[in-house]
PDB file of N, CA and C in Angstrom:
ATOM      1  N   ALA A   1      30.340  -0.595 223.808  1.00  0.00           N
ATOM      2  CA  ALA A   1      30.865   0.045 222.600  1.00  0.00           C
ATOM      3  C   ALA A   1      30.400   1.473 222.486  1.00  0.00           C
ATOM      4  N   GLN A   2      31.260   2.338 222.010  1.00  0.00           N
ATOM      5  CA  GLN A   2      30.917   3.761 221.809  1.00  0.00           C
ATOM      6  C   GLN A   2      30.222   3.902 220.488  1.00  0.00           C
ATOM      7  N   PRO A   3      29.312   4.932 220.366  1.00  0.00           N
ATOM      8  CA  PRO A   3      28.690   5.233 219.077  1.00  0.00           C
ATOM      9  C   PRO A   3      29.761   5.647 218.088  1.00  0.00           C
ATOM     10  N   ALA A   4      29.482   5.433 216.793  1.00  0.00           N
ATOM     11  CA  ALA A   4      30.506   5.706 215.726  1.00  0.00           C
ATOM     12  C   ALA A   4      30.802   7.217 215.660  1.00  0.00           C
ATOM     13  N   ALA A   5      29.833   8.071 215.967  1.00  0.00           N
ATOM     14  CA  ALA A   5      30.077   9.489 215.865  1.00  0.00           C
ATOM     15  C   ALA A   5      31.024   9.994 216.940  1.00  0.00           C
ATOM     16  N   ALA A   6      31.187   9.239 218.020  1.00  0.00           N
ATOM     17  CA  ALA A   6      32.067   9.700 219.100  1.00  0.00           C
ATOM     18  C   ALA A   6      33.491   9.289 218.837  1.00  0.00           C
ATOM     19  N   ASP A   7      33.780   8.463 217.848  1.00  0.00           N
ATOM     20  CA  ASP A   7      35.132   8.029 217.526  1.00  0.00           C
ATOM     21  C   ASP A   7      35.825   9.188 216.814  1.00  0.00           C
ATOM     22  N   PRO A   8      36.899   9.779 217.438  1.00  0.00           N
ATOM     23  CA  PRO A   8      37.576  10.943 216.820  1.00  0.00           C
ATOM     24  C   PRO A   8      38.173  10.582 215.450  1.00  0.00           C
ATOM     25  N   ALA A   9      38.718   9.429 215.212  1.00  0.00           N
ATOM     26  CA  ALA A   9      39.309   9.065 213.936  1.00  0.00           C
ATOM     27  C   ALA A   9      38.215   9.016 212.888  1.00  0.00           C
ATOM     28  N   LEU A  10      37.088   8.456 213.192  1.00  0.00           N
ATOM     29  CA  LEU A  10      36.009   8.349 212.260  1.00  0.00           C
ATOM     30  C   LEU A  10      35.451   9.717 211.943  1.00  0.00           C
ATOM     31  N   ALA A  11      35.356  10.610 212.936  1.00  0.00           N
ATOM     32  CA  ALA A  11      34.894  11.990 212.711  1.00  0.00           C
ATOM     33  C   ALA A  11      35.813  12.723 211.801  1.00  0.00           C
ATOM     34  N   ALA A  12      37.196  12.519 212.008  1.00  0.00           N
ATOM     35  CA  ALA A  12      38.177  13.184 211.160  1.00  0.00           C
ATOM     36  C   ALA A  12      38.071  12.657 209.728  1.00  0.00           C
ATOM     37  N   ASP A  13      37.864  11.363 209.595  1.00  0.00           N
ATOM     38  CA  ASP A  13      37.708  10.800 208.217  1.00  0.00           C
ATOM     39  C   ASP A  13      36.511  11.349 207.504  1.00  0.00           C
ATOM     40  N   ALA A  14      35.392  11.517 208.264  1.00  0.00           N
ATOM     41  CA  ALA A  14      34.179  12.064 207.715  1.00  0.00           C
ATOM     42  C   ALA A  14      34.368  13.522 207.269  1.00  0.00           C
ATOM     43  N   ALA A  15      35.061  14.274 208.089  1.00  0.00           N
ATOM     44  CA  ALA A  15      35.300  15.675 207.755  1.00  0.00           C
ATOM     45  C   ALA A  15      36.215  15.782 206.503  1.00  0.00           C
ATOM     46  N   GLY A  16      37.241  14.888 206.453  1.00  0.00           N
ATOM     47  CA  GLY A  16      38.106  14.915 205.232  1.00  0.00           C
ATOM     48  C   GLY A  16      37.346  14.553 204.017  1.00  0.00           C
ATOM     49  N   LEU A  17      36.444  13.554 204.123  1.00  0.00           N
ATOM     50  CA  LEU A  17      35.671  13.141 202.989  1.00  0.00           C
ATOM     51  C   LEU A  17      34.716  14.291 202.552  1.00  0.00           C
ATOM     52  N   SER A  18      34.117  14.959 203.496  1.00  0.00           N
ATOM     53  CA  SER A  18      33.236  16.042 203.183  1.00  0.00           C
ATOM     54  C   SER A  18      34.013  17.163 202.483  1.00  0.00           C
ATOM     55  N   ASP A  19      35.234  17.448 202.943  1.00  0.00           N
ATOM     56  CA  ASP A  19      36.048  18.483 202.323  1.00  0.00           C
ATOM     57  C   ASP A  19      36.377  18.089 200.841  1.00  0.00           C
ATOM     58  N   ARG A  20      36.775  16.816 200.644  1.00  0.00           N
ATOM     59  CA  ARG A  20      37.069  16.340 199.262  1.00  0.00           C
ATOM     60  C   ARG A  20      35.830  16.400 198.388  1.00  0.00           C
ATOM     61  N   ALA A  21      34.680  16.049 198.918  1.00  0.00           N
ATOM     62  CA  ALA A  21      33.463  16.115 198.128  1.00  0.00           C
ATOM     63  C   ALA A  21      33.165  17.587 197.736  1.00  0.00           C
ATOM     64  N   GLY A  22      33.392  18.535 198.636  1.00  0.00           N
ATOM     65  CA  GLY A  22      33.225  19.972 198.318  1.00  0.00           C
ATOM     66  C   GLY A  22      34.128  20.416 197.224  1.00  0.00           C
ATOM     67  N   ARG A  23      35.397  19.989 197.305  1.00  0.00           N
ATOM     68  CA  ARG A  23      36.311  20.388 196.249  1.00  0.00           C
ATOM     69  C   ARG A  23      35.977  19.761 194.916  1.00  0.00           C
ATOM     70  N   LEU A  24      35.589  18.497 194.964  1.00  0.00           N
ATOM     71  CA  LEU A  24      35.161  17.812 193.693  1.00  0.00           C
ATOM     72  C   LEU A  24      33.988  18.476 193.081  1.00  0.00           C
ATOM     73  N   SER A  25      33.041  18.883 193.956  1.00  0.00           N
ATOM     74  CA  SER A  25      31.862  19.575 193.412  1.00  0.00           C
ATOM     75  C   SER A  25      32.259  20.914 192.749  1.00  0.00           C
ATOM     76  N   ALA A  26      33.175  21.624 193.374  1.00  0.00           N
ATOM     77  CA  ALA A  26      33.659  22.888 192.801  1.00  0.00           C
ATOM     78  C   ALA A  26      34.386  22.673 191.518  1.00  0.00           C
ATOM     79  N   LEU A  27      35.184  21.619 191.445  1.00  0.00           N
ATOM     80  CA  LEU A  27      35.917  21.297 190.185  1.00  0.00           C
ATOM     81  C   LEU A  27      34.920  20.923 189.074  1.00  0.00           C
ATOM     82  N   LEU A  28      33.939  20.158 189.404  1.00  0.00           N
ATOM     83  CA  LEU A  28      32.969  19.743 188.381  1.00  0.00           C
ATOM     84  C   LEU A  28      32.159  20.959 187.909  1.00  0.00           C
ATOM     85  N   GLY A  29      31.845  21.874 188.792  1.00  0.00           N
ATOM     86  CA  GLY A  29      31.144  23.142 188.408  1.00  0.00           C
ATOM     87  C   GLY A  29      31.995  23.916 187.458  1.00  0.00           C
ATOM     88  N   GLU A  30      33.276  24.054 187.792  1.00  0.00           N
ATOM     89  CA  GLU A  30      34.206  24.798 186.932  1.00  0.00           C
ATOM     90  C   GLU A  30      34.359  24.118 185.552  1.00  0.00           C
ATOM     91  N   ALA A  31      34.429  22.790 185.561  1.00  0.00           N
ATOM     92  CA  ALA A  31      34.580  22.043 184.274  1.00  0.00           C
ATOM     93  C   ALA A  31      33.327  22.285 183.401  1.00  0.00           C
ATOM     94  N   TYR A  32      32.121  22.247 184.040  1.00  0.00           N
ATOM     95  CA  TYR A  32      30.905  22.474 183.313  1.00  0.00           C
ATOM     96  C   TYR A  32      30.911  23.888 182.700  1.00  0.00           C
ATOM     97  N   ALA A  33      31.303  24.858 183.472  1.00  0.00           N
ATOM     98  CA  ALA A  33      31.345  26.265 182.991  1.00  0.00           C
ATOM     99  C   ALA A  33      32.317  26.362 181.850  1.00  0.00           C
ATOM    100  N   ARG A  34      33.456  25.767 181.944  1.00  0.00           N
ATOM    101  CA  ARG A  34      34.436  25.825 180.879  1.00  0.00           C
ATOM    102  C   ARG A  34      33.898  25.150 179.588  1.00  0.00           C
ATOM    103  N   ARG A  35      33.217  24.021 179.795  1.00  0.00           N
ATOM    104  CA  ARG A  35      32.689  23.280 178.676  1.00  0.00           C
ATOM    105  C   ARG A  35      31.608  24.145 177.939  1.00  0.00           C
ATOM    106  N   ALA A  36      30.765  24.808 178.716  1.00  0.00           N
ATOM    107  CA  ALA A  36      29.715  25.645 178.108  1.00  0.00           C
ATOM    108  C   ALA A  36      30.348  26.846 177.392  1.00  0.00           C
ATOM    109  N   ALA A  37      31.420  27.425 177.958  1.00  0.00           N
ATOM    110  CA  ALA A  37      32.037  28.572 177.293  1.00  0.00           C
ATOM    111  C   ALA A  37      32.721  28.119 176.027  1.00  0.00           C
ATOM    112  N   LEU A  38      33.351  26.951 176.014  1.00  0.00           N
ATOM    113  CA  LEU A  38      33.957  26.418 174.827  1.00  0.00           C
ATOM    114  C   LEU A  38      32.904  26.125 173.739  1.00  0.00           C
ATOM    115  N   ALA A  39      31.788  25.631 174.152  1.00  0.00           N
ATOM    116  CA  ALA A  39      30.746  25.351 173.163  1.00  0.00           C
ATOM    117  C   ALA A  39      30.235  26.665 172.530  1.00  0.00           C
ATOM    118  N   ARG A  40      30.027  27.696 173.345  1.00  0.00           N
ATOM    119  CA  ARG A  40      29.567  28.997 172.788  1.00  0.00           C
ATOM    120  C   ARG A  40      30.628  29.559 171.855  1.00  0.00           C
ATOM    121  N   THR A  41      31.907  29.484 172.216  1.00  0.00           N
ATOM    122  CA  THR A  41      32.949  29.970 171.374  1.00  0.00           C
ATOM    123  C   THR A  41      33.001  29.180 170.058  1.00  0.00           C
ATOM    124  N   SER A  42      32.804  27.894 170.073  1.00  0.00           N
ATOM    125  CA  SER A  42      32.808  27.096 168.835  1.00  0.00           C
ATOM    126  C   SER A  42      31.602  27.475 167.970  1.00  0.00           C
ATOM    127  N   VAL A  43      30.441  27.731 168.580  1.00  0.00           N
ATOM    128  CA  VAL A  43      29.264  28.137 167.823  1.00  0.00           C
ATOM    129  C   VAL A  43      29.541  29.474 167.132  1.00  0.00           C
ATOM    130  N   ARG A  44      30.119  30.429 167.898  1.00  0.00           N
ATOM    131  CA  ARG A  44      30.378  31.749 167.285  1.00  0.00           C
ATOM    132  C   ARG A  44      31.366  31.610 166.143  1.00  0.00           C
ATOM    133  N   PHE A  45      32.320  30.702 166.268  1.00  0.00           N
ATOM    134  CA  PHE A  45      33.345  30.511 165.189  1.00  0.00           C
ATOM    135  C   PHE A  45      32.597  29.956 163.948  1.00  0.00           C
ATOM    136  N   GLY A  46      31.717  29.014 164.135  1.00  0.00           N
ATOM    137  CA  GLY A  46      30.963  28.463 163.054  1.00  0.00           C
ATOM    138  C   GLY A  46      30.127  29.520 162.310  1.00  0.00           C
ATOM    139  N   GLU A  47      29.466  30.352 163.093  1.00  0.00           N
ATOM    140  CA  GLU A  47      28.705  31.482 162.501  1.00  0.00           C
ATOM    141  C   GLU A  47      29.627  32.361 161.697  1.00  0.00           C
ATOM    142  N   THR A  48      30.692  32.763 162.158  1.00  0.00           N
ATOM    143  CA  THR A  48      31.673  33.631 161.491  1.00  0.00           C
ATOM    144  C   THR A  48      32.171  32.980 160.217  1.00  0.00           C
ATOM    145  N   LEU A  49      32.506  31.698 160.314  1.00  0.00           N
ATOM    146  CA  LEU A  49      33.005  30.936 159.166  1.00  0.00           C
ATOM    147  C   LEU A  49      31.985  30.866 158.054  1.00  0.00           C
ATOM    148  N   ALA A  50      30.710  30.586 158.390  1.00  0.00           N
ATOM    149  CA  ALA A  50      29.681  30.531 157.345  1.00  0.00           C
ATOM    150  C   ALA A  50      29.415  31.878 156.720  1.00  0.00           C
ATOM    151  N   ALA A  51      29.341  32.902 157.537  1.00  0.00           N
ATOM    152  CA  ALA A  51      29.149  34.300 157.010  1.00  0.00           C
ATOM    153  C   ALA A  51      30.288  34.706 156.104  1.00  0.00           C
ATOM    154  N   THR A  52      31.483  34.397 156.500  1.00  0.00           N
ATOM    155  CA  THR A  52      32.629  34.790 155.704  1.00  0.00           C
ATOM    156  C   THR A  52      32.695  34.036 154.372  1.00  0.00           C
ATOM    157  N   GLN A  53      32.329  32.768 154.403  1.00  0.00           N
ATOM    158  CA  GLN A  53      32.281  32.034 153.135  1.00  0.00           C
ATOM    159  C   GLN A  53      31.222  32.593 152.199  1.00  0.00           C
ATOM    160  N   ALA A  54      30.056  32.931 152.743  1.00  0.00           N
ATOM    161  CA  ALA A  54      29.000  33.513 151.954  1.00  0.00           C
ATOM    162  C   ALA A  54      29.459  34.843 151.319  1.00  0.00           C
ATOM    163  N   GLU A  55      30.115  35.641 152.131  1.00  0.00           N
ATOM    164  CA  GLU A  55      30.624  36.909 151.652  1.00  0.00           C
ATOM    165  C   GLU A  55      31.616  36.681 150.520  1.00  0.00           C
ATOM    166  N   ARG A  56      32.492  35.733 150.693  1.00  0.00           N
ATOM    167  CA  ARG A  56      33.512  35.401 149.724  1.00  0.00           C
ATOM    168  C   ARG A  56      32.891  34.957 148.393  1.00  0.00           C
ATOM    169  N   LEU A  57      31.857  34.130 148.472  1.00  0.00           N
ATOM    170  CA  LEU A  57      31.175  33.723 147.206  1.00  0.00           C
ATOM    171  C   LEU A  57      30.498  34.917 146.529  1.00  0.00           C
ATOM    172  N   ARG A  58      29.890  35.756 147.305  1.00  0.00           N
ATOM    173  CA  ARG A  58      29.234  36.960 146.695  1.00  0.00           C
ATOM    174  C   ARG A  58      30.258  37.884 146.020  1.00  0.00           C
ATOM    175  N   ARG A  59      31.384  38.087 146.689  1.00  0.00           N
ATOM    176  CA  ARG A  59      32.461  38.904 146.068  1.00  0.00           C
ATOM    177  C   ARG A  59      32.942  38.279 144.789  1.00  0.00           C
ATOM    178  N   ARG A  60      33.103  36.974 144.807  1.00  0.00           N
ATOM    179  CA  ARG A  60      33.599  36.323 143.618  1.00  0.00           C
ATOM    180  C   ARG A  60      32.595  36.490 142.478  1.00  0.00           C
ATOM    181  N   LEU A  61      31.320  36.382 142.832  1.00  0.00           N
ATOM    182  CA  LEU A  61      30.265  36.584 141.754  1.00  0.00           C
ATOM    183  C   LEU A  61      30.322  37.968 141.146  1.00  0.00           C
ATOM    184  N   GLU A  62      30.574  38.969 142.010  1.00  0.00           N
ATOM    185  CA  GLU A  62      30.602  40.400 141.580  1.00  0.00           C
ATOM    186  C   GLU A  62      31.885  40.768 140.894  1.00  0.00           C
ATOM    187  N   SER A  63      32.913  39.951 141.032  1.00  0.00           N
ATOM    188  CA  SER A  63      34.232  40.267 140.490  1.00  0.00           C
ATOM    189  C   SER A  63      34.223  40.209 138.957  1.00  0.00           C
ATOM    190  N   ASP A  64      34.969  41.128 138.334  1.00  0.00           N
ATOM    191  CA  ASP A  64      35.082  41.138 136.909  1.00  0.00           C
ATOM    192  C   ASP A  64      35.949  39.964 136.414  1.00  0.00           C
ATOM    193  N   ASP A  65      36.799  39.458 137.328  1.00  0.00           N
ATOM    194  CA  ASP A  65      37.670  38.308 136.949  1.00  0.00           C
ATOM    195  C   ASP A  65      36.903  36.995 136.908  1.00  0.00           C
ATOM    196  N   ALA A  66      35.756  36.963 137.561  1.00  0.00           N
ATOM    197  CA  ALA A  66      35.008  35.748 137.622  1.00  0.00           C
ATOM    198  C   ALA A  66      34.340  35.433 136.273  1.00  0.00           C
ATOM    199  N   GLN A  67      34.788  34.460 135.609  1.00  0.00           N
ATOM    200  CA  GLN A  67      34.189  34.069 134.349  1.00  0.00           C
ATOM    201  C   GLN A  67      33.473  32.728 134.570  1.00  0.00           C
ATOM    202  N   LEU A  68      32.326  32.848 135.210  1.00  0.00           N
ATOM    203  CA  LEU A  68      31.568  31.661 135.545  1.00  0.00           C
ATOM    204  C   LEU A  68      30.450  31.387 134.516  1.00  0.00           C
ATOM    205  N   SER A  69      30.208  30.122 134.303  1.00  0.00           N
ATOM    206  CA  SER A  69      29.067  29.805 133.462  1.00  0.00           C
ATOM    207  C   SER A  69      27.810  30.092 134.215  1.00  0.00           C
ATOM    208  N   VAL A  70      26.672  30.146 133.528  1.00  0.00           N
ATOM    209  CA  VAL A  70      25.387  30.499 134.147  1.00  0.00           C
ATOM    210  C   VAL A  70      25.094  29.493 135.228  1.00  0.00           C
ATOM    211  N   PRO A  71      25.239  28.166 135.003  1.00  0.00           N
ATOM    212  CA  PRO A  71      24.933  27.205 136.124  1.00  0.00           C
ATOM    213  C   PRO A  71      25.933  27.403 137.329  1.00  0.00           C
ATOM    214  N   ALA A  72      27.189  27.700 137.052  1.00  0.00           N
ATOM    215  CA  ALA A  72      28.140  27.890 138.147  1.00  0.00           C
ATOM    216  C   ALA A  72      27.796  29.145 138.947  1.00  0.00           C
ATOM    217  N   ALA A  73      27.429  30.205 138.231  1.00  0.00           N
ATOM    218  CA  ALA A  73      27.023  31.416 138.948  1.00  0.00           C
ATOM    219  C   ALA A  73      25.808  31.237 139.769  1.00  0.00           C
ATOM    220  N   ARG A  74      24.858  30.486 139.238  1.00  0.00           N
ATOM    221  CA  ARG A  74      23.620  30.195 139.951  1.00  0.00           C
ATOM    222  C   ARG A  74      23.888  29.380 141.218  1.00  0.00           C
ATOM    223  N   LEU A  75      24.769  28.375 141.045  1.00  0.00           N
ATOM    224  CA  LEU A  75      25.177  27.517 142.145  1.00  0.00           C
ATOM    225  C   LEU A  75      25.876  28.349 143.251  1.00  0.00           C
ATOM    226  N   ALA A  76      26.738  29.265 142.806  1.00  0.00           N
ATOM    227  CA  ALA A  76      27.425  30.102 143.774  1.00  0.00           C
ATOM    228  C   ALA A  76      26.410  31.015 144.524  1.00  0.00           C
ATOM    229  N   GLU A  77      25.426  31.533 143.803  1.00  0.00           N
ATOM    230  CA  GLU A  77      24.462  32.383 144.415  1.00  0.00           C
ATOM    231  C   GLU A  77      23.611  31.616 145.440  1.00  0.00           C
ATOM    232  N   VAL A  78      23.187  30.406 145.067  1.00  0.00           N
ATOM    233  CA  VAL A  78      22.400  29.579 145.973  1.00  0.00           C
ATOM    234  C   VAL A  78      23.273  29.184 147.169  1.00  0.00           C
ATOM    235  N   GLY A  79      24.523  28.821 146.929  1.00  0.00           N
ATOM    236  CA  GLY A  79      25.463  28.475 148.016  1.00  0.00           C
ATOM    237  C   GLY A  79      25.617  29.602 148.954  1.00  0.00           C
ATOM    238  N   ALA A  80      25.798  30.827 148.456  1.00  0.00           N
ATOM    239  CA  ALA A  80      25.960  32.013 149.328  1.00  0.00           C
ATOM    240  C   ALA A  80      24.688  32.234 150.170  1.00  0.00           C
ATOM    241  N   SER A  81      23.550  32.081 149.543  1.00  0.00           N
ATOM    242  CA  SER A  81      22.288  32.263 150.263  1.00  0.00           C
ATOM    243  C   SER A  81      22.147  31.197 151.367  1.00  0.00           C
ATOM    244  N   GLN A  82      22.467  30.011 151.006  1.00  0.00           N
ATOM    245  CA  GLN A  82      22.426  28.906 152.019  1.00  0.00           C
ATOM    246  C   GLN A  82      23.348  29.148 153.152  1.00  0.00           C
ATOM    247  N   LEU A  83      24.563  29.573 152.858  1.00  0.00           N
ATOM    248  CA  LEU A  83      25.559  29.838 153.927  1.00  0.00           C
ATOM    249  C   LEU A  83      25.088  31.014 154.836  1.00  0.00           C
ATOM    250  N   GLU A  84      24.452  32.012 154.220  1.00  0.00           N
ATOM    251  CA  GLU A  84      23.911  33.090 155.071  1.00  0.00           C
ATOM    252  C   GLU A  84      22.791  32.562 155.964  1.00  0.00           C
ATOM    253  N   GLY A  85      21.965  31.670 155.439  1.00  0.00           N
ATOM    254  CA  GLY A  85      20.925  31.068 156.301  1.00  0.00           C
ATOM    255  C   GLY A  85      21.538  30.252 157.411  1.00  0.00           C
ATOM    256  N   VAL A  86      22.621  29.516 157.116  1.00  0.00           N
ATOM    257  CA  VAL A  86      23.276  28.744 158.180  1.00  0.00           C
ATOM    258  C   VAL A  86      23.846  29.675 159.237  1.00  0.00           C
ATOM    259  N   ALA A  87      24.500  30.765 158.792  1.00  0.00           N
ATOM    260  CA  ALA A  87      25.078  31.744 159.719  1.00  0.00           C
ATOM    261  C   ALA A  87      23.968  32.304 160.595  1.00  0.00           C
ATOM    262  N   LYS A  88      22.785  32.678 160.077  1.00  0.00           N
ATOM    263  CA  LYS A  88      21.747  33.208 160.841  1.00  0.00           C
ATOM    264  C   LYS A  88      21.177  32.149 161.856  1.00  0.00           C
ATOM    265  N   ALA A  89      21.066  30.905 161.434  1.00  0.00           N
ATOM    266  CA  ALA A  89      20.576  29.881 162.296  1.00  0.00           C
ATOM    267  C   ALA A  89      21.554  29.637 163.418  1.00  0.00           C
ATOM    268  N   ILE A  90      22.850  29.620 163.113  1.00  0.00           N
ATOM    269  CA  ILE A  90      23.870  29.478 164.164  1.00  0.00           C
ATOM    270  C   ILE A  90      23.824  30.626 165.136  1.00  0.00           C
ATOM    271  N   GLY A  91      23.648  31.830 164.579  1.00  0.00           N
ATOM    272  CA  GLY A  91      23.527  33.024 165.445  1.00  0.00           C
ATOM    273  C   GLY A  91      22.348  32.938 166.405  1.00  0.00           C
ATOM    274  N   ALA A  92      21.229  32.431 165.888  1.00  0.00           N
ATOM    275  CA  ALA A  92      20.010  32.261 166.715  1.00  0.00           C
ATOM    276  C   ALA A  92      20.317  31.212 167.819  1.00  0.00           C
ATOM    277  N   PHE A  93      21.035  30.128 167.443  1.00  0.00           N
ATOM    278  CA  PHE A  93      21.339  29.128 168.403  1.00  0.00           C
ATOM    279  C   PHE A  93      22.257  29.676 169.512  1.00  0.00           C
ATOM    280  N   GLU A  94      23.264  30.451 169.081  1.00  0.00           N
ATOM    281  CA  GLU A  94      24.190  31.035 170.049  1.00  0.00           C
ATOM    282  C   GLU A  94      23.457  31.990 171.013  1.00  0.00           C
ATOM    283  N   GLN A  95      22.482  32.721 170.485  1.00  0.00           N
ATOM    284  CA  GLN A  95      21.690  33.659 171.295  1.00  0.00           C
ATOM    285  C   GLN A  95      20.873  32.825 172.343  1.00  0.00           C
ATOM    286  N   GLN A  96      20.336  31.676 171.891  1.00  0.00           N
ATOM    287  CA  GLN A  96      19.608  30.806 172.837  1.00  0.00           C
ATOM    288  C   GLN A  96      20.552  30.224 173.882  1.00  0.00           C
ATOM    289  N   LEU A  97      21.736  29.888 173.531  1.00  0.00           N
ATOM    290  CA  LEU A  97      22.723  29.439 174.533  1.00  0.00           C
ATOM    291  C   LEU A  97      23.011  30.532 175.525  1.00  0.00           C
ATOM    292  N   ARG A  98      23.179  31.759 175.040  1.00  0.00           N
ATOM    293  CA  ARG A  98      23.483  32.873 175.944  1.00  0.00           C
ATOM    294  C   ARG A  98      22.308  33.117 176.895  1.00  0.00           C
ATOM    295  N   THR A  99      21.106  33.075 176.343  1.00  0.00           N
ATOM    296  CA  THR A  99      19.921  33.304 177.158  1.00  0.00           C
ATOM    297  C   THR A  99      19.770  32.194 178.234  1.00  0.00           C
ATOM    298  N   THR A 100      20.017  30.964 177.852  1.00  0.00           N
ATOM    299  CA  THR A 100      19.956  29.856 178.781  1.00  0.00           C
ATOM    300  C   THR A 100      21.010  30.051 179.857  1.00  0.00           C
ATOM    301  N   ALA A 101      22.195  30.428 179.502  1.00  0.00           N
ATOM    302  CA  ALA A 101      23.274  30.567 180.449  1.00  0.00           C
ATOM    303  C   ALA A 101      22.952  31.645 181.480  1.00  0.00           C
ATOM    304  N   LYS A 102      22.306  32.740 180.982  1.00  0.00           N
ATOM    305  CA  LYS A 102      21.954  33.809 181.915  1.00  0.00           C
ATOM    306  C   LYS A 102      20.831  33.401 182.864  1.00  0.00           C
ATOM    307  N   ALA A 103      19.999  32.477 182.447  1.00  0.00           N
ATOM    308  CA  ALA A 103      18.877  32.042 183.251  1.00  0.00           C
ATOM    309  C   ALA A 103      19.265  31.091 184.356  1.00  0.00           C
ATOM    310  N   LEU A 104      20.460  30.508 184.230  1.00  0.00           N
ATOM    311  CA  LEU A 104      20.971  29.539 185.242  1.00  0.00           C
ATOM    312  C   LEU A 104      21.300  30.321 186.525  1.00  0.00           C
ATOM    313  N   PRO A 105      21.135  29.637 187.650  1.00  0.00           N
ATOM    314  CA  PRO A 105      21.532  30.314 188.903  1.00  0.00           C
ATOM    315  C   PRO A 105      23.028  30.547 188.931  1.00  0.00           C
ATOM    316  N   PRO A 106      23.473  31.579 189.570  1.00  0.00           N
ATOM    317  CA  PRO A 106      24.916  31.882 189.616  1.00  0.00           C
ATOM    318  C   PRO A 106      25.633  30.749 190.323  1.00  0.00           C
ATOM    319  N   ARG A 107      26.788  30.419 189.806  1.00  0.00           N
ATOM    320  CA  ARG A 107      27.578  29.327 190.393  1.00  0.00           C
ATOM    321  C   ARG A 107      28.408  29.848 191.526  1.00  0.00           C
ATOM    322  N   ALA A 108      28.655  29.049 192.489  1.00  0.00           N
ATOM    323  CA  ALA A 108      29.486  29.431 193.580  1.00  0.00           C
ATOM    324  C   ALA A 108      30.939  29.567 193.179  1.00  0.00           C
ATOM    325  N   GLU A 109      31.626  30.453 193.792  1.00  0.00           N
ATOM    326  CA  GLU A 109      33.022  30.598 193.471  1.00  0.00           C
ATOM    327  C   GLU A 109      33.755  29.317 193.862  1.00  0.00           C
ATOM    328  N   PRO A 110      34.650  28.795 193.017  1.00  0.00           N
ATOM    329  CA  PRO A 110      35.361  27.575 193.334  1.00  0.00           C
ATOM    330  C   PRO A 110      36.267  27.789 194.549  1.00  0.00           C
ATOM    331  N   GLU A 111      36.365  26.768 195.290  1.00  0.00           N
ATOM    332  CA  GLU A 111      37.336  26.816 196.433  1.00  0.00           C
ATOM    333  C   GLU A 111      38.720  26.511 195.891  1.00  0.00           C
ATOM    334  N   GLU A 112      39.690  26.984 196.594  1.00  0.00           N
ATOM    335  CA  GLU A 112      41.056  26.734 196.232  1.00  0.00           C
ATOM    336  C   GLU A 112      41.327  25.235 196.433  1.00  0.00           C
ATOM    337  N   VAL A 113      41.957  24.613 195.430  1.00  0.00           N
ATOM    338  CA  VAL A 113      42.264  23.214 195.561  1.00  0.00           C
ATOM    339  C   VAL A 113      43.725  23.156 195.953  1.00  0.00           C
ATOM    340  N   ALA A 114      43.956  22.457 197.071  1.00  0.00           N
ATOM    341  CA  ALA A 114      45.390  22.351 197.567  1.00  0.00           C
ATOM    342  C   ALA A 114      46.143  21.362 196.780  1.00  0.00           C
TER     343      ALA A 114
END
């Protein structure tokens, strides 16, 4: 009996399997990169949303049209401050994500998938 490595059909199957594994690895790397980019985009959106809502509350408080009771005005002020805090915390988290992403080794360019 011949050794398994000498069988041309088996060698071709192994080469094909290796090629598929390489493509799958490239696809998984790309999926991970897209997932990370989507997460960072979502975090930035959350930061912007919180900051915008805080600004909106502050403008409403400063508006001459706003006829708020003292407790409602105080609640709006506290809410705006809390939203600003959330926006800052989200911004710090996004910065940490960016720093972590920069520290990762560069990923290989994906191979073309046939």
